Amino acid sequence: RAQTTWTGNCDDPVLRITLSDGNCPDGRGHQVELSFDANDVLAERVRRGQNTLEAEPGDLGLRVHYPRPGRVDGRTEGEWGTCTGAMGIVNLAQGVSLEEGGRTLGEFFAQLEPCNDETQGTRNVDGTFDVTLVRGLDEVCPDR
């Protein structure tokens, strides 16, 4: 399952793409979240082609978060992401669309660092996504 949502406020809107198996779309389960800062997309800091992942806050508008509950394999539990460090890329076929009905597709390859003291080691994640935006930035923030 791939789902798009808007987070943040209208000064700093963020488009989030959540990828999961469909059983846990509300953040309580095994999923990968790709977050695109709309201001950085509009300023073309996140654009078509290869975008390098960086540790927050110097991430140039692109973040990855990977929560993993212990029930997935009975032993590996934690939260990884660009919170403290990362190596990898998000390759966008045609950039990030912020318009209603716009399509965003690409692939990602990342080695993510732990986001808290309870999480151990790094995690590799990779995959593809192809989403159509249900609500555009102009609908979410009409006074922008």
N, C-alpha and C. Protein backbone atom coordinates (compact mmCIF):
# COMPACT_ATOMS: atom_id res chain seq x y z
N ARG A 1 0.84 -1.17 0.00
CA ARG A 1 0.00 0.00 0.00
C ARG A 1 0.89 1.24 0.00
N ALA A 2 0.52 2.22 -0.77
CA ALA A 2 1.19 3.51 -0.80
C ALA A 2 0.14 4.58 -0.52
N GLN A 3 0.46 5.47 0.40
CA GLN A 3 -0.50 6.49 0.82
C GLN A 3 0.22 7.84 0.91
N THR A 4 -0.45 8.90 0.45
CA THR A 4 0.10 10.25 0.58
C THR A 4 -0.71 11.03 1.61
N THR A 5 -0.02 11.80 2.43
CA THR A 5 -0.66 12.68 3.41
C THR A 5 0.16 13.96 3.50
N TRP A 6 -0.48 15.01 3.99
CA TRP A 6 0.20 16.27 4.26
C TRP A 6 0.41 16.41 5.75
N THR A 7 1.59 16.86 6.16
CA THR A 7 1.88 17.13 7.56
C THR A 7 2.48 18.53 7.66
N GLY A 8 2.77 18.96 8.86
CA GLY A 8 3.33 20.29 9.06
C GLY A 8 2.25 21.35 9.01
N ASN A 9 2.64 22.58 8.80
CA ASN A 9 1.68 23.68 8.68
C ASN A 9 1.87 24.34 7.32
N CYS A 10 1.10 25.36 7.04
CA CYS A 10 1.15 25.97 5.71
C CYS A 10 2.41 26.79 5.47
N ASP A 11 3.16 27.14 6.52
CA ASP A 11 4.45 27.78 6.33
C ASP A 11 5.52 26.76 5.94
N ASP A 12 5.39 25.55 6.47
CA ASP A 12 6.34 24.47 6.19
C ASP A 12 5.60 23.16 5.90
N PRO A 13 4.83 23.10 4.80
CA PRO A 13 4.10 21.86 4.50
C PRO A 13 5.03 20.74 4.04
N VAL A 14 4.67 19.52 4.41
CA VAL A 14 5.47 18.35 4.07
C VAL A 14 4.55 17.30 3.45
N LEU A 15 4.94 16.79 2.29
CA LEU A 15 4.23 15.69 1.66
C LEU A 15 4.87 14.40 2.11
N ARG A 16 4.08 13.52 2.72
CA ARG A 16 4.60 12.24 3.21
C ARG A 16 4.02 11.10 2.37
N ILE A 17 4.91 10.24 1.92
CA ILE A 17 4.51 9.01 1.23
C ILE A 17 4.82 7.86 2.18
N THR A 18 3.79 7.11 2.56
CA THR A 18 3.94 5.98 3.47
C THR A 18 3.76 4.69 2.68
N LEU A 19 4.73 3.81 2.79
CA LEU A 19 4.70 2.52 2.10
C LEU A 19 4.60 1.42 3.15
N SER A 20 3.60 0.57 3.01
CA SER A 20 3.43 -0.54 3.95
C SER A 20 2.79 -1.73 3.24
N ASP A 21 2.58 -2.79 4.01
CA ASP A 21 1.93 -3.97 3.45
C ASP A 21 0.41 -3.82 3.45
N GLY A 22 -0.09 -2.68 3.92
CA GLY A 22 -1.53 -2.43 3.92
C GLY A 22 -2.19 -2.75 5.24
N ASN A 23 -1.51 -3.48 6.13
CA ASN A 23 -2.09 -3.85 7.41
C ASN A 23 -1.87 -2.80 8.49
N CYS A 24 -0.98 -1.87 8.24
CA CYS A 24 -0.64 -0.92 9.31
C CYS A 24 -0.36 0.47 8.75
N PRO A 25 -1.35 1.12 8.17
CA PRO A 25 -1.10 2.42 7.56
C PRO A 25 -1.08 3.59 8.53
N ASP A 26 -1.29 3.37 9.81
CA ASP A 26 -1.42 4.49 10.74
C ASP A 26 -0.20 4.69 11.62
N GLY A 27 0.94 4.19 11.24
CA GLY A 27 2.18 4.45 11.95
C GLY A 27 2.50 3.49 13.08
N ARG A 28 1.65 2.51 13.35
CA ARG A 28 1.93 1.56 14.44
C ARG A 28 2.61 0.31 13.94
N GLY A 29 3.03 0.30 12.71
CA GLY A 29 3.57 -0.96 12.21
C GLY A 29 4.80 -0.81 11.35
N HIS A 30 5.01 -1.82 10.58
CA HIS A 30 6.18 -1.96 9.72
C HIS A 30 5.92 -1.17 8.44
N GLN A 31 6.64 -0.06 8.26
CA GLN A 31 6.43 0.78 7.09
C GLN A 31 7.64 1.67 6.86
N VAL A 32 7.71 2.25 5.68
CA VAL A 32 8.73 3.23 5.33
C VAL A 32 8.01 4.53 4.99
N GLU A 33 8.50 5.63 5.55
CA GLU A 33 7.90 6.94 5.29
C GLU A 33 8.95 7.82 4.60
N LEU A 34 8.58 8.35 3.44
CA LEU A 34 9.42 9.30 2.72
C LEU A 34 8.74 10.66 2.86
N SER A 35 9.45 11.66 3.36
CA SER A 35 8.88 12.99 3.56
C SER A 35 9.59 14.00 2.69
N PHE A 36 8.79 14.79 1.96
CA PHE A 36 9.31 15.80 1.05
C PHE A 36 8.83 17.17 1.51
N ASP A 37 9.75 18.06 1.87
CA ASP A 37 9.42 19.42 2.28
C ASP A 37 8.97 20.18 1.02
N ALA A 38 7.71 20.67 1.03
CA ALA A 38 7.16 21.34 -0.16
C ALA A 38 7.96 22.58 -0.53
N ASN A 39 8.46 23.32 0.46
CA ASN A 39 9.26 24.51 0.16
C ASN A 39 10.55 24.14 -0.57
N ASP A 40 11.17 23.03 -0.18
CA ASP A 40 12.39 22.59 -0.84
C ASP A 40 12.09 22.01 -2.23
N VAL A 41 10.93 21.42 -2.41
CA VAL A 41 10.53 20.95 -3.74
C VAL A 41 10.34 22.16 -4.66
N LEU A 42 9.63 23.18 -4.16
CA LEU A 42 9.39 24.38 -4.97
C LEU A 42 10.68 25.12 -5.29
N ALA A 43 11.65 25.09 -4.38
CA ALA A 43 12.95 25.73 -4.60
C ALA A 43 13.91 24.84 -5.40
N GLU A 44 13.43 23.67 -5.83
CA GLU A 44 14.17 22.69 -6.63
C GLU A 44 15.40 22.13 -5.93
N ARG A 45 15.36 22.08 -4.60
CA ARG A 45 16.41 21.37 -3.87
C ARG A 45 16.13 19.87 -3.86
N VAL A 46 14.86 19.50 -4.01
CA VAL A 46 14.46 18.11 -4.25
C VAL A 46 13.89 18.12 -5.66
N ARG A 47 14.48 17.33 -6.54
CA ARG A 47 14.09 17.42 -7.95
C ARG A 47 14.22 16.08 -8.66
N ARG A 48 13.85 16.09 -9.92
CA ARG A 48 13.95 14.91 -10.77
C ARG A 48 15.38 14.39 -10.76
N GLY A 49 15.51 13.06 -10.74
CA GLY A 49 16.82 12.43 -10.75
C GLY A 49 17.24 12.02 -9.36
N GLN A 50 18.54 11.92 -9.16
CA GLN A 50 19.09 11.42 -7.91
C GLN A 50 19.14 12.51 -6.84
N ASN A 51 18.57 12.21 -5.68
CA ASN A 51 18.60 13.08 -4.52
C ASN A 51 19.30 12.32 -3.40
N THR A 52 20.37 12.89 -2.88
CA THR A 52 21.17 12.23 -1.85
C THR A 52 20.54 12.44 -0.48
N LEU A 53 20.50 11.37 0.30
CA LEU A 53 20.00 11.47 1.67
C LEU A 53 21.08 12.03 2.57
N GLU A 54 20.68 12.93 3.46
CA GLU A 54 21.58 13.55 4.44
C GLU A 54 20.95 13.45 5.81
N ALA A 55 21.77 13.54 6.85
CA ALA A 55 21.25 13.55 8.22
C ALA A 55 20.49 14.84 8.48
N GLU A 56 19.44 14.75 9.27
CA GLU A 56 18.68 15.93 9.67
C GLU A 56 19.55 16.77 10.62
N PRO A 57 19.45 18.07 10.65
CA PRO A 57 18.53 18.92 9.90
C PRO A 57 19.08 19.38 8.56
N GLY A 58 20.27 18.94 8.15
CA GLY A 58 20.82 19.37 6.87
C GLY A 58 20.38 18.52 5.70
N ASP A 59 19.14 18.07 5.71
CA ASP A 59 18.66 17.07 4.76
C ASP A 59 18.13 17.62 3.45
N LEU A 60 18.09 18.92 3.28
CA LEU A 60 17.60 19.54 2.04
C LEU A 60 16.21 19.09 1.64
N GLY A 61 15.35 18.88 2.63
CA GLY A 61 13.94 18.64 2.35
C GLY A 61 13.52 17.22 2.07
N LEU A 62 14.38 16.26 2.31
CA LEU A 62 14.05 14.86 2.03
C LEU A 62 14.44 14.01 3.24
N ARG A 63 13.44 13.36 3.85
CA ARG A 63 13.68 12.54 5.04
C ARG A 63 13.08 11.16 4.86
N VAL A 64 13.69 10.18 5.51
CA VAL A 64 13.19 8.80 5.48
C VAL A 64 13.09 8.33 6.93
N HIS A 65 11.99 7.66 7.25
CA HIS A 65 11.76 7.13 8.59
C HIS A 65 11.28 5.68 8.45
N TYR A 66 11.82 4.80 9.28
CA TYR A 66 11.49 3.37 9.20
C TYR A 66 11.26 2.79 10.58
N PRO A 67 10.00 2.80 11.06
CA PRO A 67 9.70 2.11 12.32
C PRO A 67 9.49 0.62 12.05
N ARG A 68 9.97 -0.21 12.97
CA ARG A 68 9.83 -1.66 12.80
C ARG A 68 9.48 -2.29 14.14
N PRO A 69 8.25 -2.78 14.26
CA PRO A 69 7.86 -3.45 15.51
C PRO A 69 8.50 -4.83 15.61
N GLY A 70 8.74 -5.29 16.83
CA GLY A 70 9.36 -6.59 17.06
C GLY A 70 8.56 -7.75 16.51
N ARG A 71 7.26 -7.56 16.33
CA ARG A 71 6.43 -8.67 15.85
C ARG A 71 6.71 -9.05 14.40
N VAL A 72 7.45 -8.21 13.66
CA VAL A 72 7.73 -8.51 12.26
C VAL A 72 8.56 -9.78 12.14
N ASP A 73 9.65 -9.87 12.90
CA ASP A 73 10.47 -11.08 12.84
C ASP A 73 10.74 -11.66 14.23
N GLY A 74 10.09 -11.11 15.25
CA GLY A 74 10.23 -11.63 16.60
C GLY A 74 11.44 -11.14 17.35
N ARG A 75 12.31 -10.34 16.70
CA ARG A 75 13.51 -9.90 17.41
C ARG A 75 13.96 -8.48 17.08
N THR A 76 13.84 -8.02 15.86
CA THR A 76 14.37 -6.73 15.47
C THR A 76 13.31 -5.65 15.62
N GLU A 77 13.51 -4.78 16.59
CA GLU A 77 12.54 -3.71 16.85
C GLU A 77 13.30 -2.40 16.94
N GLY A 78 12.70 -1.33 16.46
CA GLY A 78 13.34 -0.02 16.58
C GLY A 78 12.82 0.98 15.59
N GLU A 79 13.51 2.13 15.56
CA GLU A 79 13.19 3.20 14.61
C GLU A 79 14.49 3.69 14.00
N TRP A 80 14.53 3.66 12.68
CA TRP A 80 15.69 4.12 11.94
C TRP A 80 15.25 5.26 11.03
N GLY A 81 16.21 6.04 10.58
CA GLY A 81 15.88 7.12 9.66
C GLY A 81 17.04 8.05 9.41
N THR A 82 16.71 9.18 8.82
CA THR A 82 17.70 10.22 8.56
C THR A 82 17.88 11.10 9.79
N CYS A 83 17.29 10.71 10.93
CA CYS A 83 17.34 11.46 12.19
C CYS A 83 18.77 11.82 12.58
N THR A 84 19.66 10.83 12.57
CA THR A 84 21.03 11.06 13.04
C THR A 84 22.06 10.80 11.96
N GLY A 85 21.66 10.20 10.85
CA GLY A 85 22.60 9.93 9.78
C GLY A 85 22.01 8.98 8.77
N ALA A 86 22.52 9.01 7.57
CA ALA A 86 22.03 8.11 6.53
C ALA A 86 22.96 8.19 5.33
N MET A 87 22.96 7.11 4.58
CA MET A 87 23.62 7.08 3.28
C MET A 87 22.61 6.53 2.32
N GLY A 88 22.50 7.13 1.14
CA GLY A 88 21.59 6.59 0.15
C GLY A 88 21.06 7.65 -0.78
N ILE A 89 20.12 7.21 -1.61
CA ILE A 89 19.52 8.11 -2.60
C ILE A 89 18.03 7.85 -2.72
N VAL A 90 17.33 8.87 -3.16
CA VAL A 90 15.96 8.74 -3.66
C VAL A 90 16.02 9.22 -5.10
N ASN A 91 15.72 8.34 -6.03
CA ASN A 91 15.79 8.65 -7.45
C ASN A 91 14.36 8.90 -7.95
N LEU A 92 14.08 10.13 -8.34
CA LEU A 92 12.74 10.52 -8.79
C LEU A 92 12.67 10.55 -10.31
N ALA A 93 11.72 9.81 -10.87
CA ALA A 93 11.59 9.72 -12.32
C ALA A 93 11.19 11.05 -12.96
N GLN A 94 10.33 11.82 -12.27
CA GLN A 94 9.89 13.09 -12.86
C GLN A 94 9.68 14.17 -11.81
N GLY A 95 10.37 14.09 -10.71
CA GLY A 95 10.22 15.08 -9.65
C GLY A 95 9.04 14.77 -8.76
N VAL A 96 8.83 15.64 -7.76
CA VAL A 96 7.71 15.49 -6.83
C VAL A 96 6.59 16.41 -7.27
N SER A 97 5.41 15.85 -7.48
CA SER A 97 4.27 16.67 -7.85
C SER A 97 3.55 17.14 -6.59
N LEU A 98 3.25 18.42 -6.52
CA LEU A 98 2.51 18.98 -5.39
C LEU A 98 1.08 19.34 -5.80
N GLU A 99 0.69 18.98 -7.02
CA GLU A 99 -0.63 19.32 -7.55
C GLU A 99 -1.59 18.14 -7.42
N GLU A 100 -2.86 18.46 -7.19
CA GLU A 100 -3.89 17.43 -7.14
C GLU A 100 -3.87 16.61 -8.43
N GLY A 101 -3.88 15.30 -8.30
CA GLY A 101 -3.84 14.42 -9.46
C GLY A 101 -2.45 14.20 -10.02
N GLY A 102 -1.45 14.89 -9.46
CA GLY A 102 -0.07 14.74 -9.92
C GLY A 102 0.53 13.42 -9.47
N ARG A 103 1.45 12.94 -10.25
CA ARG A 103 2.06 11.64 -9.99
C ARG A 103 3.51 11.81 -9.57
N THR A 104 3.92 11.05 -8.56
CA THR A 104 5.31 11.02 -8.11
C THR A 104 5.75 9.57 -8.10
N LEU A 105 6.82 9.28 -8.82
CA LEU A 105 7.31 7.90 -8.84
C LEU A 105 8.82 7.88 -8.78
N GLY A 106 9.33 6.84 -8.14
CA GLY A 106 10.76 6.72 -8.01
C GLY A 106 11.18 5.46 -7.27
N GLU A 107 12.43 5.46 -6.86
CA GLU A 107 12.99 4.34 -6.12
C GLU A 107 13.92 4.90 -5.05
N PHE A 108 14.14 4.11 -4.01
CA PHE A 108 15.02 4.56 -2.94
C PHE A 108 15.90 3.40 -2.47
N PHE A 109 17.11 3.78 -2.04
CA PHE A 109 18.09 2.86 -1.47
C PHE A 109 18.72 3.61 -0.31
N ALA A 110 18.64 3.07 0.89
CA ALA A 110 19.16 3.82 2.03
C ALA A 110 19.72 2.91 3.11
N GLN A 111 20.79 3.37 3.73
CA GLN A 111 21.30 2.78 4.96
C GLN A 111 21.00 3.80 6.05
N LEU A 112 20.08 3.45 6.95
CA LEU A 112 19.57 4.39 7.94
C LEU A 112 20.18 4.13 9.31
N GLU A 113 20.36 5.20 10.06
CA GLU A 113 20.91 5.14 11.41
C GLU A 113 19.78 5.07 12.44
N PRO A 114 20.07 4.59 13.66
CA PRO A 114 19.05 4.55 14.72
C PRO A 114 18.57 5.96 15.06
N CYS A 115 17.28 6.07 15.39
CA CYS A 115 16.68 7.36 15.77
C CYS A 115 16.56 7.53 17.27
N ASN A 116 16.88 6.50 18.05
CA ASN A 116 16.81 6.62 19.51
C ASN A 116 17.82 5.65 20.14
N ASP A 117 18.01 5.78 21.44
CA ASP A 117 19.00 4.96 22.14
C ASP A 117 18.63 3.48 22.22
N GLU A 118 17.34 3.16 22.10
CA GLU A 118 16.91 1.77 22.21
C GLU A 118 17.16 0.97 20.92
N THR A 119 17.32 1.68 19.81
CA THR A 119 17.51 1.03 18.52
C THR A 119 18.99 0.77 18.29
N GLN A 120 19.31 -0.43 17.81
CA GLN A 120 20.70 -0.83 17.61
C GLN A 120 21.00 -1.04 16.12
N GLY A 121 22.21 -0.66 15.72
CA GLY A 121 22.69 -0.93 14.38
C GLY A 121 22.02 -0.11 13.29
N THR A 122 22.50 -0.27 12.08
CA THR A 122 21.91 0.40 10.93
C THR A 122 20.93 -0.54 10.24
N ARG A 123 20.09 0.01 9.38
CA ARG A 123 19.13 -0.79 8.61
C ARG A 123 19.18 -0.35 7.16
N ASN A 124 19.18 -1.31 6.27
CA ASN A 124 19.09 -1.03 4.85
C ASN A 124 17.65 -1.18 4.40
N VAL A 125 17.16 -0.19 3.68
CA VAL A 125 15.81 -0.26 3.11
C VAL A 125 15.90 0.15 1.65
N ASP A 126 15.05 -0.44 0.84
CA ASP A 126 14.99 -0.07 -0.57
C ASP A 126 13.61 -0.41 -1.10
N GLY A 127 13.24 0.23 -2.17
CA GLY A 127 11.94 -0.04 -2.76
C GLY A 127 11.60 0.96 -3.85
N THR A 128 10.39 0.83 -4.35
CA THR A 128 9.88 1.73 -5.38
C THR A 128 8.53 2.28 -4.93
N PHE A 129 8.13 3.39 -5.53
CA PHE A 129 6.83 3.97 -5.23
C PHE A 129 6.28 4.66 -6.48
N ASP A 130 4.97 4.69 -6.57
CA ASP A 130 4.26 5.36 -7.66
C ASP A 130 2.92 5.80 -7.08
N VAL A 131 2.80 7.08 -6.77
CA VAL A 131 1.61 7.59 -6.10
C VAL A 131 1.01 8.75 -6.89
N THR A 132 -0.30 8.90 -6.73
CA THR A 132 -1.03 10.03 -7.30
C THR A 132 -1.57 10.85 -6.14
N LEU A 133 -1.32 12.14 -6.17
CA LEU A 133 -1.70 13.02 -5.07
C LEU A 133 -3.21 13.32 -5.12
N VAL A 134 -3.91 12.99 -4.04
CA VAL A 134 -5.35 13.20 -3.95
C VAL A 134 -5.65 14.67 -3.69
N ARG A 135 -4.88 15.31 -2.80
CA ARG A 135 -5.06 16.71 -2.47
C ARG A 135 -3.76 17.46 -2.73
N GLY A 136 -3.85 18.50 -3.54
CA GLY A 136 -2.66 19.28 -3.87
C GLY A 136 -2.36 20.33 -2.81
N LEU A 137 -1.18 20.90 -2.90
CA LEU A 137 -0.76 21.92 -1.96
C LEU A 137 -1.71 23.12 -1.97
N ASP A 138 -2.21 23.51 -3.14
CA ASP A 138 -3.11 24.66 -3.21
C ASP A 138 -4.45 24.41 -2.53
N GLU A 139 -4.84 23.14 -2.41
CA GLU A 139 -6.08 22.81 -1.67
C GLU A 139 -5.81 22.75 -0.16
N VAL A 140 -4.67 22.20 0.21
CA VAL A 140 -4.31 22.06 1.62
C VAL A 140 -4.02 23.43 2.24
N CYS A 141 -3.37 24.30 1.49
CA CYS A 141 -2.98 25.64 1.96
C CYS A 141 -3.43 26.68 0.93
N PRO A 142 -4.72 26.98 0.86
CA PRO A 142 -5.23 27.87 -0.20
C PRO A 142 -4.72 29.31 -0.12
N ASP A 143 -4.27 29.75 1.04
CA ASP A 143 -3.81 31.13 1.19
C ASP A 143 -2.31 31.29 1.00
N ARG A 144 -1.66 30.26 0.57
CA ARG A 144 -0.20 30.30 0.37
C ARG A 144 0.19 31.14 -0.79
